Amino acid sequence: MSEHSSLAFASQTELAFPLTGRKIWVAGHTGLVGSAICRHLQQEDCKLLTASRAELDLLRQAKTEAWVAEHQPDVIIIAAAKVGGIWANDHYPAEFIYQNLTIETNIIEAARKAGVAKLLLLGSSCIYPREAEQPIQESALLSRPLEPTNQWYAIAKIAGIKLCQAYRKQYGLDMITAMPTNLYGPGDRYDEKAGHVIPALIQKMHIAKTERAPEVPIWGTGNVRREFLYVDDCARALIHLVKHYSAAEPVNVGSGIDITIRELAETVQSVVGYEGQLKFDPTMLEGTPRKLLDVSKLTNLGWQPTTPLEAGLPIAYDWYRQHECSVESLSA
């Protein structure tokens, strides 16, 4: 498919790439996004392929290529990645850049060799410059310096975008990329240090509520702004892109709405029912001042989110209480 024809293809909103009868491999199916994608693919008339870490080490090129050659997926969605919040990114830069570069490189090359019909690489909104004009358009990529605290992860994801573009240009392969905003929901990683801001806040406030702590410490001033998207909305958007999009340029995936971290913390406090004080620490890292995505490209493709933050947070908290909360973890 030529680049000109693929761009014309991208403007269509009718079903352009049907999933009926296709074998679809979701790499990273146990993670936050991967598990949500699997939930929604079960509603499609397709065959879902997955592989656990014990079955397949994505950091090993030969094993990845052999697995893809054996199972012959028609579609690959790369949701596998090493992810984490600001603390994890700052403390494990080598792991973030090496593992993410290796995973995406191994899978993309395996897809080429096996003749996979379509591939979607899941990126992140952190690929964009720290001082990008808001809301951030896809064209802002590589226009200014990155946010230093997550540059390692961002560089790896940018390399993945360029890899897909290079394979599309040289081999004519239908490889697309999507850049989600901050995600949350069932299956999230509830870890104060390694997790993202919403699960970290939920965990800290739940423990503080249980232990009747008078205050909860929160990194930063609380003034930076962030956009959030419920993970099942993201999964629906990604499946929509597999069906309706085919072009080299990445596509932003978000809600189009942002709030301050202070507003977020107060909302989580209300959902959890914590009655103590929120203590913001301006000496701690807080990252990019604002990160709001321009989602007009995705909107023009016929997709809209359906779960506002006020509806998604109680679901996330309920999942945490059912799956992550235990007497042992609270007393550890």
Protein backbone atom coordinates (compact mmCIF):
# COMPACT_ATOMS: atom_id res chain seq x y z
CA MET A 1 0.00 0.00 0.00
CA SER A 2 1.44 3.39 -0.93
CA GLU A 3 1.69 6.20 1.61
CA HIS A 4 -0.74 8.30 -0.45
CA SER A 5 -3.37 5.57 -0.51
CA SER A 6 -2.91 4.84 3.21
CA LEU A 7 -3.52 8.48 4.10
CA ALA A 8 -6.73 8.43 2.08
CA PHE A 9 -7.61 5.21 3.85
CA ALA A 10 -7.18 6.93 7.21
CA SER A 11 -9.98 9.39 6.52
CA GLN A 12 -12.59 6.67 6.16
CA THR A 13 -14.91 5.96 9.09
CA GLU A 14 -16.52 2.84 7.61
CA LEU A 15 -15.12 -0.57 8.54
CA ALA A 16 -11.83 -0.66 6.63
CA PHE A 17 -10.04 -3.56 8.31
CA PRO A 18 -12.59 -6.09 9.62
CA LEU A 19 -11.49 -8.30 12.53
CA THR A 20 -13.85 -11.14 11.73
CA GLY A 21 -11.94 -14.41 11.59
CA ARG A 22 -8.59 -12.74 12.31
CA LYS A 23 -6.02 -14.10 14.75
CA ILE A 24 -5.04 -11.22 17.02
CA TRP A 25 -2.06 -11.36 19.36
CA VAL A 26 -2.15 -8.95 22.29
CA ALA A 27 1.41 -8.73 23.57
CA GLY A 28 1.26 -7.75 27.23
CA HIS A 29 -2.22 -9.17 27.79
CA THR A 30 -1.97 -9.21 31.61
CA GLY A 31 -1.18 -5.51 31.98
CA LEU A 32 -3.55 -2.60 32.51
CA VAL A 33 -4.11 -1.85 28.81
CA GLY A 34 -3.56 -5.35 27.46
CA SER A 35 -6.18 -6.91 29.73
CA ALA A 36 -8.70 -4.23 28.76
CA ILE A 37 -8.01 -4.83 25.05
CA CYS A 38 -8.58 -8.55 25.58
CA ARG A 39 -11.90 -7.87 27.35
CA HIS A 40 -13.15 -5.92 24.36
CA LEU A 41 -11.74 -8.23 21.69
CA GLN A 42 -13.86 -10.98 23.22
CA GLN A 43 -16.82 -9.08 21.79
CA GLU A 44 -15.35 -9.36 18.30
CA ASP A 45 -15.60 -12.41 16.04
CA CYS A 46 -11.86 -13.07 16.14
CA LYS A 47 -9.37 -15.50 17.69
CA LEU A 48 -7.42 -14.03 20.60
CA LEU A 49 -3.78 -15.07 21.01
CA THR A 50 -1.81 -14.51 24.23
CA ALA A 51 1.48 -15.69 25.70
CA SER A 52 2.56 -15.48 29.32
CA ARG A 53 6.07 -14.44 30.34
CA ALA A 54 6.79 -18.09 31.18
CA GLU A 55 5.80 -19.05 27.62
CA LEU A 56 7.55 -16.20 25.83
CA ASP A 57 10.35 -13.85 26.88
CA LEU A 58 9.90 -10.80 24.67
CA LEU A 59 13.44 -9.66 25.47
CA ARG A 60 14.78 -12.60 23.43
CA GLN A 61 14.64 -11.96 19.68
CA ALA A 62 14.94 -15.57 18.49
CA LYS A 63 12.20 -16.78 20.84
CA THR A 64 9.89 -13.93 19.83
CA GLU A 65 10.40 -14.60 16.12
CA ALA A 66 9.85 -18.34 16.61
CA TRP A 67 6.60 -17.79 18.54
CA VAL A 68 5.19 -15.42 15.92
CA ALA A 69 6.24 -17.76 13.09
CA GLU A 70 4.50 -20.68 14.82
CA HIS A 71 1.22 -18.93 15.70
CA GLN A 72 0.94 -16.73 12.58
CA PRO A 73 -1.18 -13.85 13.95
CA ASP A 74 -2.97 -11.63 11.45
CA VAL A 75 -2.84 -8.65 13.81
CA ILE A 76 -0.43 -7.73 16.61
CA ILE A 77 -1.20 -5.15 19.28
CA ILE A 78 1.92 -4.27 21.27
CA ALA A 79 0.75 -3.38 24.78
CA ALA A 80 3.79 -5.02 26.40
CA ALA A 81 6.13 -2.52 28.02
CA LYS A 82 8.01 -1.66 31.17
CA VAL A 83 5.95 1.14 32.69
CA GLY A 84 5.88 3.11 35.90
CA GLY A 85 5.39 6.49 37.49
CA ILE A 86 7.78 9.37 37.99
CA TRP A 87 9.75 7.67 40.80
CA ALA A 88 10.32 4.47 38.81
CA ASN A 89 11.33 6.36 35.66
CA ASP A 90 13.79 8.44 37.63
CA HIS A 91 15.37 5.48 39.46
CA TYR A 92 15.53 2.82 36.71
CA PRO A 93 16.43 4.67 33.49
CA ALA A 94 18.50 1.84 31.98
CA GLU A 95 15.72 -0.72 32.44
CA PHE A 96 13.12 1.63 30.96
CA ILE A 97 15.05 2.37 27.79
CA TYR A 98 16.56 -1.10 27.24
CA GLN A 99 13.48 -3.22 27.89
CA ASN A 100 11.10 -1.04 25.88
CA LEU A 101 13.47 -0.73 22.94
CA THR A 102 14.06 -4.48 22.93
CA ILE A 103 10.42 -5.53 23.22
CA GLU A 104 9.17 -3.34 20.38
CA THR A 105 12.13 -4.11 18.11
CA ASN A 106 11.80 -7.87 18.58
CA ILE A 107 8.06 -7.92 17.93
CA ILE A 108 8.12 -5.57 14.93
CA GLU A 109 10.88 -7.52 13.19
CA ALA A 110 9.08 -10.80 13.97
CA ALA A 111 5.92 -9.34 12.43
CA ARG A 112 7.80 -8.44 9.25
CA LYS A 113 9.30 -11.88 8.88
CA ALA A 114 5.95 -13.60 9.47
CA GLY A 115 3.98 -11.34 7.12
CA VAL A 116 1.60 -10.00 9.75
CA ALA A 117 -1.22 -8.01 8.10
CA LYS A 118 -1.46 -5.21 10.68
CA LEU A 119 0.41 -4.04 13.77
CA LEU A 120 -0.45 -1.42 16.36
CA LEU A 121 2.26 -0.12 18.70
CA LEU A 122 1.01 1.43 21.92
CA GLY A 123 3.08 4.47 22.86
CA SER A 124 2.55 7.19 25.45
CA SER A 125 1.83 10.90 25.68
CA CYS A 126 5.20 11.33 27.42
CA ILE A 127 6.84 11.24 23.98
CA TYR A 128 5.99 14.91 23.57
CA PRO A 129 8.22 17.83 24.61
CA ARG A 130 8.03 19.17 28.15
CA GLU A 131 7.11 22.64 26.89
CA ALA A 132 4.83 21.55 24.03
CA GLU A 133 2.03 23.90 23.03
CA GLN A 134 -1.28 22.83 24.59
CA PRO A 135 -3.31 20.90 23.64
CA ILE A 136 -0.54 18.77 22.15
CA GLN A 137 -0.86 17.88 18.49
CA GLU A 138 0.84 14.83 17.00
CA SER A 139 3.06 17.18 14.99
CA ALA A 140 4.74 18.35 18.23
CA LEU A 141 6.83 15.17 18.32
CA LEU A 142 10.58 15.94 18.47
CA SER A 143 9.97 19.69 18.23
CA ARG A 144 11.49 20.55 21.64
CA PRO A 145 13.36 18.89 24.57
CA LEU A 146 11.67 16.09 26.53
CA GLU A 147 10.71 16.05 30.21
CA PRO A 148 13.95 14.86 31.94
CA THR A 149 12.24 12.59 34.49
CA ASN A 150 10.77 10.25 31.86
CA GLN A 151 13.10 10.83 28.90
CA TRP A 152 14.37 7.23 28.89
CA TYR A 153 10.91 5.74 28.43
CA ALA A 154 9.99 8.49 25.97
CA ILE A 155 13.05 7.89 23.79
CA ALA A 156 12.26 4.19 23.60
CA LYS A 157 8.67 4.88 22.53
CA ILE A 158 9.76 7.50 20.00
CA ALA A 159 12.13 4.92 18.54
CA GLY A 160 9.19 2.52 18.27
CA ILE A 161 7.18 5.10 16.34
CA LYS A 162 10.07 5.68 13.97
CA LEU A 163 10.58 1.93 13.59
CA CYS A 164 6.96 1.46 12.51
CA GLN A 165 7.28 4.39 10.10
CA ALA A 166 10.50 2.94 8.66
CA TYR A 167 8.97 -0.51 8.16
CA ARG A 168 5.92 1.08 6.55
CA LYS A 169 8.14 3.10 4.20
CA GLN A 170 10.62 0.36 3.25
CA TYR A 171 8.43 -2.75 3.35
CA GLY A 172 4.95 -1.30 2.79
CA LEU A 173 3.68 -2.82 6.04
CA ASP A 174 0.50 -1.63 7.75
CA MET A 175 2.02 -0.55 11.08
CA ILE A 176 0.33 2.18 13.10
CA THR A 177 1.02 3.88 16.44
CA ALA A 178 -1.25 5.31 19.14
CA MET A 179 -0.25 7.66 21.95
CA PRO A 180 -2.56 7.32 24.98
CA THR A 181 -2.75 9.87 27.76
CA ASN A 182 -2.53 8.84 31.44
CA LEU A 183 -4.62 5.70 31.94
CA TYR A 184 -6.30 4.19 34.99
CA GLY A 185 -8.81 1.50 35.89
CA PRO A 186 -9.11 -2.23 36.68
CA GLY A 187 -5.79 -4.05 36.53
CA ASP A 188 -3.69 -1.01 37.39
CA ARG A 189 -0.46 -1.27 39.39
CA TYR A 190 -1.13 -0.06 42.91
CA ASP A 191 2.35 0.80 44.10
CA GLU A 192 3.23 4.12 45.70
CA LYS A 193 6.72 4.18 44.16
CA ALA A 194 6.41 2.20 40.91
CA GLY A 195 2.81 3.05 40.01
CA HIS A 196 1.22 6.03 38.29
CA VAL A 197 -0.49 8.90 40.06
CA ILE A 198 -4.09 7.62 40.32
CA PRO A 199 -3.33 4.13 41.70
CA ALA A 200 -0.67 5.63 43.99
CA LEU A 201 -3.17 8.14 45.39
CA ILE A 202 -5.85 5.48 45.82
CA GLN A 203 -3.49 3.17 47.68
CA LYS A 204 -2.04 5.89 49.92
CA MET A 205 -5.44 7.28 50.86
CA HIS A 206 -6.98 3.87 51.48
CA ILE A 207 -4.10 2.90 53.81
CA ALA A 208 -4.32 6.30 55.54
CA LYS A 209 -8.05 5.84 55.99
CA THR A 210 -7.58 2.33 57.39
CA GLU A 211 -4.82 3.43 59.76
CA ARG A 212 -6.59 6.72 60.61
CA ALA A 213 -3.53 8.71 59.61
CA PRO A 214 -3.98 12.48 60.02
CA GLU A 215 -2.44 13.38 56.65
CA VAL A 216 -1.33 11.98 53.30
CA PRO A 217 1.89 13.25 51.66
CA ILE A 218 1.64 14.07 47.94
CA TRP A 219 4.57 14.89 45.66
CA GLY A 220 4.72 18.38 44.16
CA THR A 221 2.72 21.55 44.46
CA GLY A 222 -0.48 20.02 43.14
CA ASN A 223 -0.62 22.68 40.42
CA VAL A 224 0.55 20.66 37.40
CA ARG A 225 -2.25 19.57 35.08
CA ARG A 226 -2.90 16.08 33.74
CA GLU A 227 -5.38 14.38 31.44
CA PHE A 228 -6.79 10.94 32.35
CA LEU A 229 -8.60 8.26 30.38
CA TYR A 230 -10.41 5.19 31.69
CA VAL A 231 -8.59 2.12 30.40
CA ASP A 232 -11.63 0.47 28.79
CA ASP A 233 -12.23 3.64 26.80
CA CYS A 234 -8.62 3.40 25.64
CA ALA A 235 -9.08 -0.25 24.64
CA ARG A 236 -12.12 0.63 22.54
CA ALA A 237 -10.16 3.44 20.88
CA LEU A 238 -7.25 1.16 20.00
CA ILE A 239 -9.52 -1.48 18.46
CA HIS A 240 -11.25 1.32 16.54
CA LEU A 241 -7.87 2.42 15.15
CA VAL A 242 -6.99 -1.12 14.08
CA LYS A 243 -10.24 -1.17 12.10
CA HIS A 244 -10.26 2.37 10.72
CA TYR A 245 -6.76 3.83 10.56
CA SER A 246 -3.75 3.21 8.32
CA ALA A 247 -1.09 5.91 8.15
CA ALA A 248 2.42 6.65 9.37
CA GLU A 249 1.53 9.48 11.74
CA PRO A 250 0.76 8.59 15.37
CA VAL A 251 -2.73 9.18 16.79
CA ASN A 252 -3.38 10.73 20.20
CA VAL A 253 -5.79 8.84 22.46
CA GLY A 254 -7.28 10.82 25.33
CA SER A 255 -10.31 12.44 26.91
CA GLY A 256 -9.51 16.00 25.84
CA ILE A 257 -10.00 17.20 29.45
CA ASP A 258 -7.35 17.89 32.10
CA ILE A 259 -7.35 18.79 35.80
CA THR A 260 -4.75 19.77 38.39
CA ILE A 261 -3.16 17.10 40.57
CA ARG A 262 -4.68 18.90 43.55
CA GLU A 263 -8.16 18.55 42.05
CA LEU A 264 -7.44 14.90 41.28
CA ALA A 265 -6.23 14.23 44.83
CA GLU A 266 -9.34 15.86 46.30
CA THR A 267 -11.57 13.76 44.04
CA VAL A 268 -9.75 10.54 45.02
CA GLN A 269 -10.03 11.60 48.66
CA SER A 270 -13.80 11.89 48.26
CA VAL A 271 -14.09 8.52 46.48
CA VAL A 272 -12.00 6.72 49.11
CA GLY A 273 -13.69 8.51 51.98
CA TYR A 274 -10.46 9.68 53.61
CA GLU A 275 -11.10 12.52 56.08
CA GLY A 276 -7.52 13.61 56.84
CA GLN A 277 -5.40 16.36 55.32
CA LEU A 278 -3.56 16.35 51.99
CA LYS A 279 0.02 17.56 52.42
CA PHE A 280 1.67 18.67 49.16
CA ASP A 281 5.48 18.71 49.07
CA PRO A 282 6.84 21.25 46.56
CA THR A 283 10.39 19.92 46.99
CA MET A 284 9.51 16.64 45.25
CA LEU A 285 9.43 15.87 41.51
CA GLU A 286 6.19 16.58 39.67
CA GLY A 287 7.15 16.41 35.98
CA THR A 288 5.76 18.31 33.01
CA PRO A 289 3.71 21.43 33.93
CA ARG A 290 0.82 20.41 31.66
CA LYS A 291 0.10 17.51 29.33
CA LEU A 292 -3.21 17.72 27.45
CA LEU A 293 -3.59 15.93 24.13
CA ASP A 294 -5.29 17.25 21.02
CA VAL A 295 -7.59 14.33 20.19
CA SER A 296 -9.25 15.84 17.12
CA LYS A 297 -7.70 13.27 14.77
CA LEU A 298 -9.25 10.39 16.74
CA THR A 299 -12.54 12.24 17.09
CA ASN A 300 -12.66 12.74 13.32
CA LEU A 301 -12.26 8.98 12.93
CA GLY A 302 -15.56 8.52 14.77
CA TRP A 303 -14.50 7.73 18.36
CA GLN A 304 -15.44 9.36 21.66
CA PRO A 305 -14.75 8.37 25.31
CA THR A 306 -17.76 7.36 27.41
CA THR A 307 -16.43 7.20 30.99
CA PRO A 308 -15.77 10.51 32.80
CA LEU A 309 -13.28 10.59 35.66
CA GLU A 310 -16.06 10.87 38.24
CA ALA A 311 -17.48 7.55 37.03
CA GLY A 312 -14.18 5.75 36.45
CA LEU A 313 -12.49 6.46 39.79
CA PRO A 314 -15.07 4.58 41.91
CA ILE A 315 -14.65 1.56 39.61
CA ALA A 316 -10.87 1.73 40.01
CA TYR A 317 -11.15 1.99 43.79
CA ASP A 318 -13.60 -0.90 43.98
CA TRP A 319 -11.22 -3.07 41.90
CA TYR A 320 -8.36 -2.15 44.23
CA ARG A 321 -10.33 -3.16 47.31
CA GLN A 322 -11.30 -6.48 45.74
CA HIS A 323 -7.93 -7.46 44.24
CA GLU A 324 -5.04 -5.60 45.86
CA CYS A 325 -6.01 -4.77 49.41
CA SER A 326 -5.16 -7.26 52.18
CA VAL A 327 -4.33 -7.22 55.89
CA GLU A 328 -0.77 -8.25 55.05
CA SER A 329 -0.22 -5.45 52.53
CA LEU A 330 -1.64 -2.85 54.88
CA SER A 331 0.56 -3.91 57.77
CA ALA A 332 3.74 -4.44 55.70
